[in-house]
Amino acid sequence: MPIVSPLTYAIGDLQGCYQSLIILIGKIEAATPDATFIFTGDLVNRGPQSLQTLRLIRSLGDRAQAVLGNHDLHLLAAAHGIRKLHRSDTLDEILNAPDREELLDWLRRQPLALYQQDHLFVHAGVLPQWSATKTLALAQEVADVLQGPDWVGFLREMYGNQPLHWDDALTGNERLRCIVNALTRLRFCDKDGTMELAAKESTGISLPGYLPWFDAPRRQTEDVTVVFGHWSTLGLIQRPNLIGLDTGCVWGGKLTAVRLADRALLQVSCPQAQRPG
């Protein structure tokens, strides 16, 4: 396992914005030469250089860790003909690359949740019923399948919005799908933890009958700091027990890094690679 230094930076959604990542890493290393990095998912897609981005993160070796986001899973599914490419996808370079299989194999072996330095890392959200310990255990259930021999078969069953509510009695693909949806797609849920998965990101933080997952009452992860991405319309969030890092790099916003030890912030402004549709 990588050794996490006390000078670790969490970095928000990249989505293939390689040049912005190079600039940000340069700024980080100027301040912290021995820095290590934890990426909050969506390493690829929509930005102009997904292939170079994936190669760079993989090349960092033990200096970098990442959790899987919905766009990363979309790449794995598209590579096996399970999902069609969307008009806004920018994954062809990876799919046609000579090192495609090595990159895809590396990607599927990344976790859906990490716990480092009293911080819980996920791409999207955590259901209010889950503690940090439970979140990690459930994420590991998915990782065991993604890293196992029938991982492509699981990808065929992974998509869909049901079930919307967690139940410990869930089994099989329904259980795994609910875990994946929470960790990689969740923005809103009701006060009882039922997920809302149909709203577009542009909805912001207002949806009648629902609230942002992190504002759900009696959330079981309030005793740790949750670090997440996925929700660019929120912008940067820094609360005592919450860090939101998707600041819209691919939309012409910023790419953001936060040093975990002291919340020091580094950002770079990004060219617009996509326009909201």
C-alpha atoms as a PDB file:
ATOM      1  CA  MET A   1       0.000   0.000   0.000  1.00  0.00           C
ATOM      2  CA  PRO A   2       1.200   3.547  -0.689  1.00  0.00           C
ATOM      3  CA  ILE A   3       2.652   5.428   2.247  1.00  0.00           C
ATOM      4  CA  VAL A   4       0.619   8.585   2.715  1.00  0.00           C
ATOM      5  CA  SER A   5       2.816  11.505   3.698  1.00  0.00           C
ATOM      6  CA  PRO A   6       1.588  14.219   6.047  1.00  0.00           C
ATOM      7  CA  LEU A   7       1.858  16.485   3.018  1.00  0.00           C
ATOM      8  CA  THR A   8      -0.932  14.923   1.004  1.00  0.00           C
ATOM      9  CA  TYR A   9      -3.099  16.927  -1.379  1.00  0.00           C
ATOM     10  CA  ALA A  10      -6.618  16.012  -2.411  1.00  0.00           C
ATOM     11  CA  ILE A  11      -7.397  17.001  -6.013  1.00  0.00           C
ATOM     12  CA  GLY A  12     -10.838  17.405  -7.564  1.00  0.00           C
ATOM     13  CA  ASP A  13     -12.324  16.086 -10.798  1.00  0.00           C
ATOM     14  CA  LEU A  14      -9.842  16.175 -13.688  1.00  0.00           C
ATOM     15  CA  GLN A  15     -11.965  14.865 -16.574  1.00  0.00           C
ATOM     16  CA  GLY A  16      -9.008  14.707 -18.907  1.00  0.00           C
ATOM     17  CA  CYS A  17      -7.769  18.275 -18.339  1.00  0.00           C
ATOM     18  CA  TYR A  18      -4.120  17.247 -18.539  1.00  0.00           C
ATOM     19  CA  GLN A  19      -2.526  20.665 -19.027  1.00  0.00           C
ATOM     20  CA  SER A  20      -4.330  22.048 -15.988  1.00  0.00           C
ATOM     21  CA  LEU A  21      -3.145  19.053 -13.966  1.00  0.00           C
ATOM     22  CA  ILE A  22       0.470  19.594 -15.038  1.00  0.00           C
ATOM     23  CA  ILE A  23       0.288  23.239 -13.930  1.00  0.00           C
ATOM     24  CA  LEU A  24      -1.351  22.307 -10.616  1.00  0.00           C
ATOM     25  CA  ILE A  25       1.189  19.598  -9.819  1.00  0.00           C
ATOM     26  CA  GLY A  26       3.954  22.079 -10.604  1.00  0.00           C
ATOM     27  CA  LYS A  27       2.499  24.557  -8.107  1.00  0.00           C
ATOM     28  CA  ILE A  28       2.102  21.840  -5.491  1.00  0.00           C
ATOM     29  CA  GLU A  29       5.652  20.573  -5.886  1.00  0.00           C
ATOM     30  CA  ALA A  30       7.027  24.088  -5.662  1.00  0.00           C
ATOM     31  CA  ALA A  31       5.399  24.362  -2.226  1.00  0.00           C
ATOM     32  CA  THR A  32       5.721  20.705  -1.173  1.00  0.00           C
ATOM     33  CA  PRO A  33       8.405  18.785  -3.113  1.00  0.00           C
ATOM     34  CA  ASP A  34       7.535  15.436  -1.490  1.00  0.00           C
ATOM     35  CA  ALA A  35       3.775  15.761  -1.938  1.00  0.00           C
ATOM     36  CA  THR A  36       1.477  12.806  -2.494  1.00  0.00           C
ATOM     37  CA  PHE A  37      -1.913  13.015  -4.174  1.00  0.00           C
ATOM     38  CA  ILE A  38      -5.406  11.600  -3.734  1.00  0.00           C
ATOM     39  CA  PHE A  39      -7.768  12.156  -6.662  1.00  0.00           C
ATOM     40  CA  THR A  40     -11.520  12.234  -6.081  1.00  0.00           C
ATOM     41  CA  GLY A  41     -12.482  10.423  -9.284  1.00  0.00           C
ATOM     42  CA  ASP A  42     -13.584  11.304 -12.812  1.00  0.00           C
ATOM     43  CA  LEU A  43     -10.003  11.227 -13.983  1.00  0.00           C
ATOM     44  CA  VAL A  44     -11.131  11.077 -17.601  1.00  0.00           C
ATOM     45  CA  ASN A  45     -13.735  12.190 -20.148  1.00  0.00           C
ATOM     46  CA  ARG A  46     -15.086  15.432 -21.594  1.00  0.00           C
ATOM     47  CA  GLY A  47     -11.704  17.129 -21.347  1.00  0.00           C
ATOM     48  CA  PRO A  48      -9.237  17.179 -24.248  1.00  0.00           C
ATOM     49  CA  GLN A  49      -6.480  14.821 -23.027  1.00  0.00           C
ATOM     50  CA  SER A  50      -7.909  11.869 -21.133  1.00  0.00           C
ATOM     51  CA  LEU A  51      -5.197   9.495 -22.331  1.00  0.00           C
ATOM     52  CA  GLN A  52      -2.326  11.686 -21.143  1.00  0.00           C
ATOM     53  CA  THR A  53      -4.113  12.302 -17.847  1.00  0.00           C
ATOM     54  CA  LEU A  54      -4.573   8.605 -17.142  1.00  0.00           C
ATOM     55  CA  ARG A  55      -0.977   7.821 -18.098  1.00  0.00           C
ATOM     56  CA  LEU A  56       0.346  10.556 -15.827  1.00  0.00           C
ATOM     57  CA  ILE A  57      -1.593   9.469 -12.753  1.00  0.00           C
ATOM     58  CA  ARG A  58      -0.597   5.843 -13.287  1.00  0.00           C
ATOM     59  CA  SER A  59       3.048   6.898 -13.711  1.00  0.00           C
ATOM     60  CA  LEU A  60       3.031   8.563 -10.285  1.00  0.00           C
ATOM     61  CA  GLY A  61       2.987   5.118  -8.709  1.00  0.00           C
ATOM     62  CA  ASP A  62       2.843   5.173  -4.910  1.00  0.00           C
ATOM     63  CA  ARG A  63       2.653   8.960  -4.892  1.00  0.00           C
ATOM     64  CA  ALA A  64      -0.931   8.878  -6.134  1.00  0.00           C
ATOM     65  CA  GLN A  65      -4.194   7.234  -5.163  1.00  0.00           C
ATOM     66  CA  ALA A  66      -7.602   7.679  -6.751  1.00  0.00           C
ATOM     67  CA  VAL A  67     -11.195   6.680  -6.180  1.00  0.00           C
ATOM     68  CA  LEU A  68     -13.374   5.729  -9.130  1.00  0.00           C
ATOM     69  CA  GLY A  69     -15.948   8.166 -10.475  1.00  0.00           C
ATOM     70  CA  ASN A  70     -18.892   7.649 -12.785  1.00  0.00           C
ATOM     71  CA  HIS A  71     -16.894   8.737 -15.859  1.00  0.00           C
ATOM     72  CA  ASP A  72     -14.141   6.259 -15.013  1.00  0.00           C
ATOM     73  CA  LEU A  73     -16.700   3.452 -14.819  1.00  0.00           C
ATOM     74  CA  HIS A  74     -18.230   4.704 -18.066  1.00  0.00           C
ATOM     75  CA  LEU A  75     -14.846   4.273 -19.740  1.00  0.00           C
ATOM     76  CA  LEU A  76     -14.598   0.676 -18.532  1.00  0.00           C
ATOM     77  CA  ALA A  77     -18.115  -0.074 -19.756  1.00  0.00           C
ATOM     78  CA  ALA A  78     -17.594   1.642 -23.123  1.00  0.00           C
ATOM     79  CA  ALA A  79     -14.371  -0.291 -23.670  1.00  0.00           C
ATOM     80  CA  HIS A  80     -16.371  -3.534 -23.554  1.00  0.00           C
ATOM     81  CA  GLY A  81     -19.328  -2.378 -25.644  1.00  0.00           C
ATOM     82  CA  ILE A  82     -21.649  -2.130 -22.653  1.00  0.00           C
ATOM     83  CA  ARG A  83     -22.196   1.623 -22.969  1.00  0.00           C
ATOM     84  CA  LYS A  84     -22.264   3.700 -26.140  1.00  0.00           C
ATOM     85  CA  LEU A  85     -20.071   6.768 -26.322  1.00  0.00           C
ATOM     86  CA  HIS A  86     -21.931  10.039 -25.870  1.00  0.00           C
ATOM     87  CA  ARG A  87     -21.447  13.032 -28.143  1.00  0.00           C
ATOM     88  CA  SER A  88     -19.508  14.830 -25.394  1.00  0.00           C
ATOM     89  CA  ASP A  89     -17.236  11.862 -24.592  1.00  0.00           C
ATOM     90  CA  THR A  90     -13.518  12.208 -25.283  1.00  0.00           C
ATOM     91  CA  LEU A  91     -12.433   8.618 -24.702  1.00  0.00           C
ATOM     92  CA  ASP A  92     -11.382   7.529 -28.203  1.00  0.00           C
ATOM     93  CA  GLU A  93      -7.698   8.179 -27.551  1.00  0.00           C
ATOM     94  CA  ILE A  94      -7.719   5.752 -24.636  1.00  0.00           C
ATOM     95  CA  LEU A  95      -9.789   3.150 -26.476  1.00  0.00           C
ATOM     96  CA  ASN A  96      -7.360   3.238 -29.422  1.00  0.00           C
ATOM     97  CA  ALA A  97      -4.142   3.507 -27.415  1.00  0.00           C
ATOM     98  CA  PRO A  98      -1.454   0.801 -27.638  1.00  0.00           C
ATOM     99  CA  ASP A  99      -1.402   0.635 -23.818  1.00  0.00           C
ATOM    100  CA  ARG A 100      -5.199   0.567 -23.562  1.00  0.00           C
ATOM    101  CA  GLU A 101      -5.404  -2.765 -21.724  1.00  0.00           C
ATOM    102  CA  GLU A 102      -2.759  -1.811 -19.167  1.00  0.00           C
ATOM    103  CA  LEU A 103      -4.543   1.466 -18.446  1.00  0.00           C
ATOM    104  CA  LEU A 104      -7.974  -0.138 -18.164  1.00  0.00           C
ATOM    105  CA  ASP A 105      -6.612  -2.863 -15.904  1.00  0.00           C
ATOM    106  CA  TRP A 106      -5.009  -0.250 -13.655  1.00  0.00           C
ATOM    107  CA  LEU A 107      -8.237   1.761 -13.571  1.00  0.00           C
ATOM    108  CA  ARG A 108     -10.503  -1.121 -12.570  1.00  0.00           C
ATOM    109  CA  ARG A 109      -8.206  -1.851  -9.638  1.00  0.00           C
ATOM    110  CA  GLN A 110      -8.783   1.542  -8.042  1.00  0.00           C
ATOM    111  CA  PRO A 111     -11.176   1.651  -5.051  1.00  0.00           C
ATOM    112  CA  LEU A 112     -14.532   3.412  -4.719  1.00  0.00           C
ATOM    113  CA  ALA A 113     -13.627   4.751  -1.263  1.00  0.00           C
ATOM    114  CA  LEU A 114     -10.439   5.482   0.667  1.00  0.00           C
ATOM    115  CA  TYR A 115      -9.715   6.422   4.261  1.00  0.00           C
ATOM    116  CA  GLN A 116      -6.536   8.386   4.906  1.00  0.00           C
ATOM    117  CA  GLN A 117      -5.490  10.782   7.670  1.00  0.00           C
ATOM    118  CA  ASP A 118      -8.992  10.874   9.220  1.00  0.00           C
ATOM    119  CA  HIS A 119     -10.503  11.731   5.815  1.00  0.00           C
ATOM    120  CA  LEU A 120     -12.974   9.562   3.898  1.00  0.00           C
ATOM    121  CA  PHE A 121     -12.636   9.943   0.118  1.00  0.00           C
ATOM    122  CA  VAL A 122     -15.451   9.160  -2.310  1.00  0.00           C
ATOM    123  CA  HIS A 123     -16.338  10.509  -5.718  1.00  0.00           C
ATOM    124  CA  ALA A 124     -19.952  11.552  -5.182  1.00  0.00           C
ATOM    125  CA  GLY A 125     -21.520  10.924  -1.797  1.00  0.00           C
ATOM    126  CA  VAL A 126     -22.252   8.675   1.155  1.00  0.00           C
ATOM    127  CA  LEU A 127     -25.698   7.548   2.232  1.00  0.00           C
ATOM    128  CA  PRO A 128     -26.636   8.891   5.673  1.00  0.00           C
ATOM    129  CA  GLN A 129     -27.099   5.354   7.030  1.00  0.00           C
ATOM    130  CA  TRP A 130     -23.461   4.455   6.383  1.00  0.00           C
ATOM    131  CA  SER A 131     -20.609   5.082   8.792  1.00  0.00           C
ATOM    132  CA  ALA A 132     -17.100   5.498   7.449  1.00  0.00           C
ATOM    133  CA  THR A 133     -16.303   1.897   8.381  1.00  0.00           C
ATOM    134  CA  LYS A 134     -19.399   0.618   6.619  1.00  0.00           C
ATOM    135  CA  THR A 135     -18.731   2.764   3.555  1.00  0.00           C
ATOM    136  CA  LEU A 136     -15.269   1.262   3.193  1.00  0.00           C
ATOM    137  CA  ALA A 137     -16.589  -2.262   3.647  1.00  0.00           C
ATOM    138  CA  LEU A 138     -19.319  -1.760   1.030  1.00  0.00           C
ATOM    139  CA  ALA A 139     -16.878  -0.146  -1.387  1.00  0.00           C
ATOM    140  CA  GLN A 140     -14.646  -3.174  -0.958  1.00  0.00           C
ATOM    141  CA  GLU A 141     -17.520  -5.465  -1.979  1.00  0.00           C
ATOM    142  CA  VAL A 142     -17.638  -3.669  -5.327  1.00  0.00           C
ATOM    143  CA  ALA A 143     -13.850  -3.616  -5.637  1.00  0.00           C
ATOM    144  CA  ASP A 144     -13.719  -7.371  -5.105  1.00  0.00           C
ATOM    145  CA  VAL A 145     -16.013  -7.845  -8.098  1.00  0.00           C
ATOM    146  CA  LEU A 146     -14.302  -5.251 -10.318  1.00  0.00           C
ATOM    147  CA  GLN A 147     -10.957  -6.869  -9.615  1.00  0.00           C
ATOM    148  CA  GLY A 148     -12.297 -10.391 -10.045  1.00  0.00           C
ATOM    149  CA  PRO A 149     -12.680 -12.658 -13.070  1.00  0.00           C
ATOM    150  CA  ASP A 150     -16.293 -11.701 -13.926  1.00  0.00           C
ATOM    151  CA  TRP A 151     -15.844  -7.950 -13.723  1.00  0.00           C
ATOM    152  CA  VAL A 152     -17.130  -7.351 -17.258  1.00  0.00           C
ATOM    153  CA  GLY A 153     -20.255  -9.330 -16.443  1.00  0.00           C
ATOM    154  CA  PHE A 154     -20.836  -7.057 -13.462  1.00  0.00           C
ATOM    155  CA  LEU A 155     -20.493  -3.945 -15.640  1.00  0.00           C
ATOM    156  CA  ARG A 156     -23.398  -5.258 -17.736  1.00  0.00           C
ATOM    157  CA  GLU A 157     -25.601  -5.266 -14.623  1.00  0.00           C
ATOM    158  CA  MET A 158     -24.255  -2.114 -12.991  1.00  0.00           C
ATOM    159  CA  TYR A 159     -26.432   0.519 -14.672  1.00  0.00           C
ATOM    160  CA  GLY A 160     -29.893   1.546 -13.487  1.00  0.00           C
ATOM    161  CA  ASN A 161     -31.441   3.657 -10.742  1.00  0.00           C
ATOM    162  CA  GLN A 162     -32.960   0.882  -8.652  1.00  0.00           C
ATOM    163  CA  PRO A 163     -32.880   0.312  -5.763  1.00  0.00           C
ATOM    164  CA  LEU A 164     -32.982   3.916  -4.569  1.00  0.00           C
ATOM    165  CA  HIS A 165     -32.938   3.074  -0.863  1.00  0.00           C
ATOM    166  CA  TRP A 166     -30.299   1.103   0.981  1.00  0.00           C
ATOM    167  CA  ASP A 167     -31.273  -2.054   2.821  1.00  0.00           C
ATOM    168  CA  ASP A 168     -28.756  -4.322   4.541  1.00  0.00           C
ATOM    169  CA  ALA A 169     -30.738  -7.264   3.193  1.00  0.00           C
ATOM    170  CA  LEU A 170     -29.959  -6.368  -0.435  1.00  0.00           C
ATOM    171  CA  THR A 171     -27.994  -9.029  -2.271  1.00  0.00           C
ATOM    172  CA  GLY A 172     -26.337  -9.633  -5.621  1.00  0.00           C
ATOM    173  CA  ASN A 173     -26.308  -7.021  -8.345  1.00  0.00           C
ATOM    174  CA  GLU A 174     -29.017  -4.913  -6.680  1.00  0.00           C
ATOM    175  CA  ARG A 175     -26.791  -4.502  -3.643  1.00  0.00           C
ATOM    176  CA  LEU A 176     -23.716  -3.682  -5.699  1.00  0.00           C
ATOM    177  CA  ARG A 177     -25.637  -1.272  -7.954  1.00  0.00           C
ATOM    178  CA  CYS A 178     -26.950   0.650  -4.945  1.00  0.00           C
ATOM    179  CA  ILE A 179     -23.421   0.972  -3.561  1.00  0.00           C
ATOM    180  CA  VAL A 180     -22.018   2.167  -6.893  1.00  0.00           C
ATOM    181  CA  ASN A 181     -24.815   4.698  -7.390  1.00  0.00           C
ATOM    182  CA  ALA A 182     -24.294   6.192  -3.945  1.00  0.00           C
ATOM    183  CA  LEU A 183     -20.520   6.451  -4.205  1.00  0.00           C
ATOM    184  CA  THR A 184     -20.311   7.650  -7.823  1.00  0.00           C
ATOM    185  CA  ARG A 185     -23.627   9.390  -8.662  1.00  0.00           C
ATOM    186  CA  LEU A 186     -25.308  10.659  -5.488  1.00  0.00           C
ATOM    187  CA  ARG A 187     -26.122  14.341  -5.045  1.00  0.00           C
ATOM    188  CA  PHE A 188     -29.556  14.433  -3.419  1.00  0.00           C
ATOM    189  CA  CYS A 189     -31.440  12.182  -1.037  1.00  0.00           C
ATOM    190  CA  ASP A 190     -34.461  12.627   1.207  1.00  0.00           C
ATOM    191  CA  LYS A 191     -34.228  12.740   4.983  1.00  0.00           C
ATOM    192  CA  ASP A 192     -34.483   8.946   5.120  1.00  0.00           C
ATOM    193  CA  GLY A 193     -31.648   8.415   2.645  1.00  0.00           C
ATOM    194  CA  THR A 194     -33.657   7.569  -0.470  1.00  0.00           C
ATOM    195  CA  MET A 195     -31.547   8.675  -3.433  1.00  0.00           C
ATOM    196  CA  GLU A 196     -32.657  11.062  -6.180  1.00  0.00           C
ATOM    197  CA  LEU A 197     -30.669  10.130  -9.277  1.00  0.00           C
ATOM    198  CA  ALA A 198     -32.579  11.826 -12.094  1.00  0.00           C
ATOM    199  CA  ALA A 199     -31.807  15.494 -11.441  1.00  0.00           C
ATOM    200  CA  LYS A 200     -29.191  17.211 -13.569  1.00  0.00           C
ATOM    201  CA  GLU A 201     -26.156  18.743 -11.929  1.00  0.00           C
ATOM    202  CA  SER A 202     -27.396  22.203 -12.887  1.00  0.00           C
ATOM    203  CA  THR A 203     -30.180  21.776 -10.320  1.00  0.00           C
ATOM    204  CA  GLY A 204     -27.698  23.198  -7.822  1.00  0.00           C
ATOM    205  CA  ILE A 205     -28.680  22.567  -4.217  1.00  0.00           C
ATOM    206  CA  SER A 206     -32.455  23.067  -4.465  1.00  0.00           C
ATOM    207  CA  LEU A 207     -34.778  20.146  -5.188  1.00  0.00           C
ATOM    208  CA  PRO A 208     -38.192  19.973  -3.466  1.00  0.00           C
ATOM    209  CA  GLY A 209     -38.423  17.102  -1.007  1.00  0.00           C
ATOM    210  CA  TYR A 210     -34.692  16.374  -1.164  1.00  0.00           C
ATOM    211  CA  LEU A 211     -31.517  17.816   0.253  1.00  0.00           C
ATOM    212  CA  PRO A 212     -27.817  17.469  -0.507  1.00  0.00           C
ATOM    213  CA  TRP A 213     -26.631  14.128   0.846  1.00  0.00           C
ATOM    214  CA  PHE A 214     -24.210  15.837   3.224  1.00  0.00           C
ATOM    215  CA  ASP A 215     -27.043  17.797   4.884  1.00  0.00           C
ATOM    216  CA  ALA A 216     -29.138  14.720   5.641  1.00  0.00           C
ATOM    217  CA  PRO A 217     -30.076  14.520   9.343  1.00  0.00           C
ATOM    218  CA  ARG A 218     -28.240  11.979  11.496  1.00  0.00           C
ATOM    219  CA  ARG A 219     -25.618  11.365   8.817  1.00  0.00           C
ATOM    220  CA  GLN A 220     -23.366   8.627  10.169  1.00  0.00           C
ATOM    221  CA  THR A 221     -20.187  10.103   8.637  1.00  0.00           C
ATOM    222  CA  GLU A 222     -20.394  13.391  10.542  1.00  0.00           C
ATOM    223  CA  ASP A 223     -17.559  12.182  12.784  1.00  0.00           C
ATOM    224  CA  VAL A 224     -15.032  12.159   9.910  1.00  0.00           C
ATOM    225  CA  THR A 225     -14.158  14.597   7.139  1.00  0.00           C
ATOM    226  CA  VAL A 226     -15.648  13.447   3.835  1.00  0.00           C
ATOM    227  CA  VAL A 227     -13.805  14.577   0.694  1.00  0.00           C
ATOM    228  CA  PHE A 228     -15.728  14.356  -2.574  1.00  0.00           C
ATOM    229  CA  GLY A 229     -16.083  15.722  -6.103  1.00  0.00           C
ATOM    230  CA  HIS A 230     -18.790  15.162  -8.756  1.00  0.00           C
ATOM    231  CA  TRP A 231     -20.833  18.337  -8.184  1.00  0.00           C
ATOM    232  CA  SER A 232     -19.265  21.279  -9.967  1.00  0.00           C
ATOM    233  CA  THR A 233     -22.197  23.667  -9.493  1.00  0.00           C
ATOM    234  CA  LEU A 234     -21.507  23.634  -5.754  1.00  0.00           C
ATOM    235  CA  GLY A 235     -18.013  25.026  -6.216  1.00  0.00           C
ATOM    236  CA  LEU A 236     -15.444  24.664  -3.473  1.00  0.00           C
ATOM    237  CA  ILE A 237     -16.838  23.552  -0.106  1.00  0.00           C
ATOM    238  CA  GLN A 238     -14.782  23.613   3.062  1.00  0.00           C
ATOM    239  CA  ARG A 239     -16.549  22.811   6.294  1.00  0.00           C
ATOM    240  CA  PRO A 240     -15.042  21.253   9.415  1.00  0.00           C
ATOM    241  CA  ASN A 241     -16.179  17.792   8.307  1.00  0.00           C
ATOM    242  CA  LEU A 242     -16.649  18.241   4.555  1.00  0.00           C
ATOM    243  CA  ILE A 243     -14.487  19.137   1.543  1.00  0.00           C
ATOM    244  CA  GLY A 244     -16.042  19.439  -1.922  1.00  0.00           C
ATOM    245  CA  LEU A 245     -13.443  19.724  -4.670  1.00  0.00           C
ATOM    246  CA  ASP A 246     -15.206  19.705  -8.049  1.00  0.00           C
ATOM    247  CA  THR A 247     -14.748  23.307  -9.135  1.00  0.00           C
ATOM    248  CA  GLY A 248     -15.660  22.818 -12.781  1.00  0.00           C
ATOM    249  CA  CYS A 249     -12.277  22.407 -14.447  1.00  0.00           C
ATOM    250  CA  VAL A 250     -13.757  20.987 -17.652  1.00  0.00           C
ATOM    251  CA  TRP A 251     -16.376  23.776 -17.780  1.00  0.00           C
ATOM    252  CA  GLY A 252     -13.782  26.550 -17.694  1.00  0.00           C
ATOM    253  CA  GLY A 253     -13.703  26.824 -13.907  1.00  0.00           C
ATOM    254  CA  LYS A 254     -10.754  25.835 -11.744  1.00  0.00           C
ATOM    255  CA  LEU A 255      -8.835  22.720 -10.829  1.00  0.00           C
ATOM    256  CA  THR A 256      -8.497  22.602  -7.067  1.00  0.00           C
ATOM    257  CA  ALA A 257      -6.142  20.942  -4.604  1.00  0.00           C
ATOM    258  CA  VAL A 258      -6.372  21.065  -0.811  1.00  0.00           C
ATOM    259  CA  ARG A 259      -3.503  20.081   1.474  1.00  0.00           C
ATOM    260  CA  LEU A 260      -5.065  17.854   4.104  1.00  0.00           C
ATOM    261  CA  ALA A 261      -2.746  18.809   6.955  1.00  0.00           C
ATOM    262  CA  ASP A 262      -3.760  22.466   7.086  1.00  0.00           C
ATOM    263  CA  ARG A 263      -6.422  23.051   4.382  1.00  0.00           C
ATOM    264  CA  ALA A 264      -3.970  25.100   2.298  1.00  0.00           C
ATOM    265  CA  LEU A 265      -5.607  25.724  -1.075  1.00  0.00           C
ATOM    266  CA  LEU A 266      -4.052  25.707  -4.539  1.00  0.00           C
ATOM    267  CA  GLN A 267      -6.057  26.346  -7.713  1.00  0.00           C
ATOM    268  CA  VAL A 268      -5.438  26.881 -11.405  1.00  0.00           C
ATOM    269  CA  SER A 269      -7.818  28.503 -13.852  1.00  0.00           C
ATOM    270  CA  CYS A 270      -8.812  26.185 -16.696  1.00  0.00           C
ATOM    271  CA  PRO A 271      -9.768  26.722 -20.331  1.00  0.00           C
ATOM    272  CA  GLN A 272     -13.322  25.727 -21.169  1.00  0.00           C
ATOM    273  CA  ALA A 273     -13.405  22.282 -22.765  1.00  0.00           C
ATOM    274  CA  GLN A 274     -17.186  21.732 -22.598  1.00  0.00           C
ATOM    275  CA  ARG A 275     -20.260  23.942 -22.606  1.00  0.00           C
ATOM    276  CA  PRO A 276     -23.266  22.985 -20.490  1.00  0.00           C
ATOM    277  CA  GLY A 277     -25.806  21.330 -22.753  1.00  0.00           C
END
